[in-house]
Structures are given as C-alpha cells and as structure tokens.
C-alpha cells in the first residue's frame, strides 16, 4: 500500500511539474523587425527574459506574455513600427485577432504556444 501511495504521489508531482510551468512571451524590435520568443518557462519573468534574449537586438522588448496559451505577433508590411499582439488558447484565433488589431497590410510574423 505504501508503494502504491508513493507511485500516485510521484505521478501527481510529475503531472504538476509539466503543466504548472507554462509561461511564454514574444519580444520584438520595431527598428529591425527581429523577433524572439519563449515557451514553457517557469515564470512570467523567465519567459520575458528568454524571449528578449532570443531576439538578439538591443532594442528588443517584450510585447506580450501568456500563460497556458498561445501568443501571436502581426506587423504592418510597409512599416515594422506598427504591430499588434494577441493571446488565446487557440493559435489560429491569436493570429487572426493580432492581424485584425494591426489593420490593413499586416501579416503574422510569429506565434508560439506553450505545452499547457
């Protein structure tokens, strides 16, 4: 019986550890159009830091973070300084909403989902 309880407890810890850490972020450089992202980070702060680091430009900044969801970034084709973001539990919905918020001549340049 003790072994059974230990197995159940171990399973619960493993399940929690795989789903509790599900933060993501997207970073963007308006001057260069570079983008970085992160997913499955252990915290909001870790997700943002990782996304900014992966963007690799001095002016990269976090433009959206999310938890147990998807994030999307859309940019105006002729003006990378104009952009919009969105998050949703559906990647397609996040992309469509970011495009709609951005306006005419915008396109999705990136999206990422955590493993929820």
C-alpha atoms as a PDB file:
ATOM      1  CA  UNK A   1       0.000   0.000   0.000  1.00  0.00           C
ATOM      2  CA  UNK A   2       2.866   2.371   0.786  1.00  0.00           C
ATOM      3  CA  UNK A   3       4.364   1.714  -2.640  1.00  0.00           C
ATOM      4  CA  UNK A   4       1.039   2.483  -4.309  1.00  0.00           C
ATOM      5  CA  UNK A   5       0.762   5.818  -2.458  1.00  0.00           C
ATOM      6  CA  UNK A   6       4.340   6.676  -3.398  1.00  0.00           C
ATOM      7  CA  UNK A   7       3.668   5.931  -7.071  1.00  0.00           C
ATOM      8  CA  UNK A   8       0.486   8.065  -7.042  1.00  0.00           C
ATOM      9  CA  UNK A   9       2.282  10.947  -5.299  1.00  0.00           C
ATOM     10  CA  UNK A  10       5.163  10.769  -7.779  1.00  0.00           C
ATOM     11  CA  UNK A  11       2.748  10.820 -10.694  1.00  0.00           C
ATOM     12  CA  UNK A  12       0.974  13.893  -9.294  1.00  0.00           C
ATOM     13  CA  UNK A  13       4.275  15.746  -8.816  1.00  0.00           C
ATOM     14  CA  UNK A  14       5.340  14.871 -12.363  1.00  0.00           C
ATOM     15  CA  UNK A  15       1.994  15.945 -13.796  1.00  0.00           C
ATOM     16  CA  UNK A  16       2.090  19.236 -11.862  1.00  0.00           C
ATOM     17  CA  UNK A  17       5.654  19.992 -12.893  1.00  0.00           C
ATOM     18  CA  UNK A  18       4.840  19.547 -16.573  1.00  0.00           C
ATOM     19  CA  UNK A  19       1.774  21.798 -16.589  1.00  0.00           C
ATOM     20  CA  UNK A  20       2.461  24.413 -13.919  1.00  0.00           C
ATOM     21  CA  UNK A  21       5.355  25.982 -15.798  1.00  0.00           C
ATOM     22  CA  UNK A  22       3.693  27.142 -18.944  1.00  0.00           C
ATOM     23  CA  UNK A  23       4.636  30.783 -19.416  1.00  0.00           C
ATOM     24  CA  UNK A  24       5.603  32.165 -22.792  1.00  0.00           C
ATOM     25  CA  UNK A  25       6.474  35.523 -24.313  1.00  0.00           C
ATOM     26  CA  UNK A  26       7.261  37.241 -27.593  1.00  0.00           C
ATOM     27  CA  UNK A  27       9.852  40.028 -27.894  1.00  0.00           C
ATOM     28  CA  UNK A  28      10.117  42.387 -30.851  1.00  0.00           C
ATOM     29  CA  UNK A  29      12.463  45.030 -32.253  1.00  0.00           C
ATOM     30  CA  UNK A  30      10.499  47.776 -34.013  1.00  0.00           C
ATOM     31  CA  UNK A  31      13.651  49.123 -35.686  1.00  0.00           C
ATOM     32  CA  UNK A  32      14.804  45.849 -37.240  1.00  0.00           C
ATOM     33  CA  UNK A  33      11.701  43.641 -37.236  1.00  0.00           C
ATOM     34  CA  UNK A  34      13.584  40.944 -35.311  1.00  0.00           C
ATOM     35  CA  UNK A  35      11.558  38.687 -33.076  1.00  0.00           C
ATOM     36  CA  UNK A  36      12.323  36.302 -30.240  1.00  0.00           C
ATOM     37  CA  UNK A  37      10.091  34.001 -28.263  1.00  0.00           C
ATOM     38  CA  UNK A  38       9.962  31.613 -25.352  1.00  0.00           C
ATOM     39  CA  UNK A  39       7.584  28.937 -24.127  1.00  0.00           C
ATOM     40  CA  UNK A  40       7.213  26.560 -21.185  1.00  0.00           C
ATOM     41  CA  UNK A  41       9.155  28.898 -18.906  1.00  0.00           C
ATOM     42  CA  UNK A  42       8.862  28.555 -15.137  1.00  0.00           C
ATOM     43  CA  UNK A  43       7.620  32.120 -14.602  1.00  0.00           C
ATOM     44  CA  UNK A  44       6.476  35.265 -16.390  1.00  0.00           C
ATOM     45  CA  UNK A  45       9.828  36.898 -15.657  1.00  0.00           C
ATOM     46  CA  UNK A  46      11.772  33.925 -17.054  1.00  0.00           C
ATOM     47  CA  UNK A  47       9.610  33.845 -20.196  1.00  0.00           C
ATOM     48  CA  UNK A  48      10.115  37.543 -20.886  1.00  0.00           C
ATOM     49  CA  UNK A  49      13.862  37.368 -20.244  1.00  0.00           C
ATOM     50  CA  UNK A  50      14.273  34.387 -22.557  1.00  0.00           C
ATOM     51  CA  UNK A  51      12.218  35.978 -25.345  1.00  0.00           C
ATOM     52  CA  UNK A  52      14.198  39.233 -25.201  1.00  0.00           C
ATOM     53  CA  UNK A  53      17.495  37.319 -25.183  1.00  0.00           C
ATOM     54  CA  UNK A  54      16.494  35.217 -28.203  1.00  0.00           C
ATOM     55  CA  UNK A  55      15.537  38.357 -30.148  1.00  0.00           C
ATOM     56  CA  UNK A  56      19.226  39.386 -30.190  1.00  0.00           C
ATOM     57  CA  UNK A  57      18.763  43.111 -30.888  1.00  0.00           C
ATOM     58  CA  UNK A  58      19.493  45.967 -28.477  1.00  0.00           C
ATOM     59  CA  UNK A  59      16.023  47.461 -28.713  1.00  0.00           C
ATOM     60  CA  UNK A  60      14.082  44.205 -28.330  1.00  0.00           C
ATOM     61  CA  UNK A  61      11.360  44.388 -25.746  1.00  0.00           C
ATOM     62  CA  UNK A  62       8.663  42.042 -24.611  1.00  0.00           C
ATOM     63  CA  UNK A  63       5.416  42.820 -26.406  1.00  0.00           C
ATOM     64  CA  UNK A  64       3.254  40.024 -24.995  1.00  0.00           C
ATOM     65  CA  UNK A  65       3.389  37.273 -22.401  1.00  0.00           C
ATOM     66  CA  UNK A  66       0.944  34.443 -21.794  1.00  0.00           C
ATOM     67  CA  UNK A  67       0.303  31.510 -19.508  1.00  0.00           C
ATOM     68  CA  UNK A  68      -1.055  28.174 -20.709  1.00  0.00           C
ATOM     69  CA  UNK A  69      -1.960  29.726 -24.063  1.00  0.00           C
ATOM     70  CA  UNK A  70      -0.604  30.918 -27.419  1.00  0.00           C
ATOM     71  CA  UNK A  71       0.748  34.321 -28.359  1.00  0.00           C
ATOM     72  CA  UNK A  72       0.903  35.940 -31.801  1.00  0.00           C
ATOM     73  CA  UNK A  73       2.608  38.973 -33.347  1.00  0.00           C
ATOM     74  CA  UNK A  74       1.446  40.740 -36.516  1.00  0.00           C
ATOM     75  CA  UNK A  75       3.368  43.531 -38.246  1.00  0.00           C
ATOM     76  CA  UNK A  76       2.389  46.052 -40.919  1.00  0.00           C
ATOM     77  CA  UNK A  77       4.183  45.036 -44.125  1.00  0.00           C
ATOM     78  CA  UNK A  78       5.389  48.521 -45.069  1.00  0.00           C
ATOM     79  CA  UNK A  79       6.046  49.795 -41.521  1.00  0.00           C
ATOM     80  CA  UNK A  80       7.530  47.421 -38.925  1.00  0.00           C
ATOM     81  CA  UNK A  81       6.959  50.046 -36.229  1.00  0.00           C
ATOM     82  CA  UNK A  82       3.226  49.259 -36.466  1.00  0.00           C
ATOM     83  CA  UNK A  83       2.378  45.938 -34.854  1.00  0.00           C
ATOM     84  CA  UNK A  84      -0.231  44.177 -32.744  1.00  0.00           C
ATOM     85  CA  UNK A  85      -0.284  41.149 -30.467  1.00  0.00           C
ATOM     86  CA  UNK A  86      -2.870  38.790 -29.092  1.00  0.00           C
ATOM     87  CA  UNK A  87      -3.062  35.699 -26.924  1.00  0.00           C
ATOM     88  CA  UNK A  88      -5.648  32.953 -26.883  1.00  0.00           C
ATOM     89  CA  UNK A  89      -5.897  29.259 -26.123  1.00  0.00           C
ATOM     90  CA  UNK A  90      -6.152  28.733 -29.898  1.00  0.00           C
ATOM     91  CA  UNK A  91      -3.121  29.615 -32.045  1.00  0.00           C
ATOM     92  CA  UNK A  92      -5.310  30.426 -35.063  1.00  0.00           C
ATOM     93  CA  UNK A  93      -7.524  32.724 -33.009  1.00  0.00           C
ATOM     94  CA  UNK A  94      -4.498  34.520 -31.557  1.00  0.00           C
ATOM     95  CA  UNK A  95      -3.084  35.040 -35.079  1.00  0.00           C
ATOM     96  CA  UNK A  96      -6.407  36.206 -36.527  1.00  0.00           C
ATOM     97  CA  UNK A  97      -7.017  38.628 -33.648  1.00  0.00           C
ATOM     98  CA  UNK A  98      -3.495  40.072 -33.886  1.00  0.00           C
ATOM     99  CA  UNK A  99      -3.956  40.593 -37.631  1.00  0.00           C
ATOM    100  CA  UNK A 100      -7.323  42.284 -37.070  1.00  0.00           C
ATOM    101  CA  UNK A 101      -5.909  44.580 -34.375  1.00  0.00           C
ATOM    102  CA  UNK A 102      -2.946  45.515 -36.574  1.00  0.00           C
ATOM    103  CA  UNK A 103      -5.088  46.552 -39.535  1.00  0.00           C
ATOM    104  CA  UNK A 104      -4.599  46.635 -43.304  1.00  0.00           C
ATOM    105  CA  UNK A 105      -1.404  45.298 -44.863  1.00  0.00           C
ATOM    106  CA  UNK A 106      -0.466  43.381 -41.724  1.00  0.00           C
ATOM    107  CA  UNK A 107       0.835  39.857 -41.623  1.00  0.00           C
ATOM    108  CA  UNK A 108       1.591  37.380 -38.895  1.00  0.00           C
ATOM    109  CA  UNK A 109       5.324  37.196 -38.287  1.00  0.00           C
ATOM    110  CA  UNK A 110       5.257  34.746 -35.431  1.00  0.00           C
ATOM    111  CA  UNK A 111       3.245  32.750 -32.975  1.00  0.00           C
ATOM    112  CA  UNK A 112       4.114  30.342 -30.203  1.00  0.00           C
ATOM    113  CA  UNK A 113       2.193  28.099 -27.812  1.00  0.00           C
ATOM    114  CA  UNK A 114       3.244  26.532 -24.565  1.00  0.00           C
ATOM    115  CA  UNK A 115       2.586  22.866 -23.875  1.00  0.00           C
ATOM    116  CA  UNK A 116      -0.251  23.650 -21.406  1.00  0.00           C
END
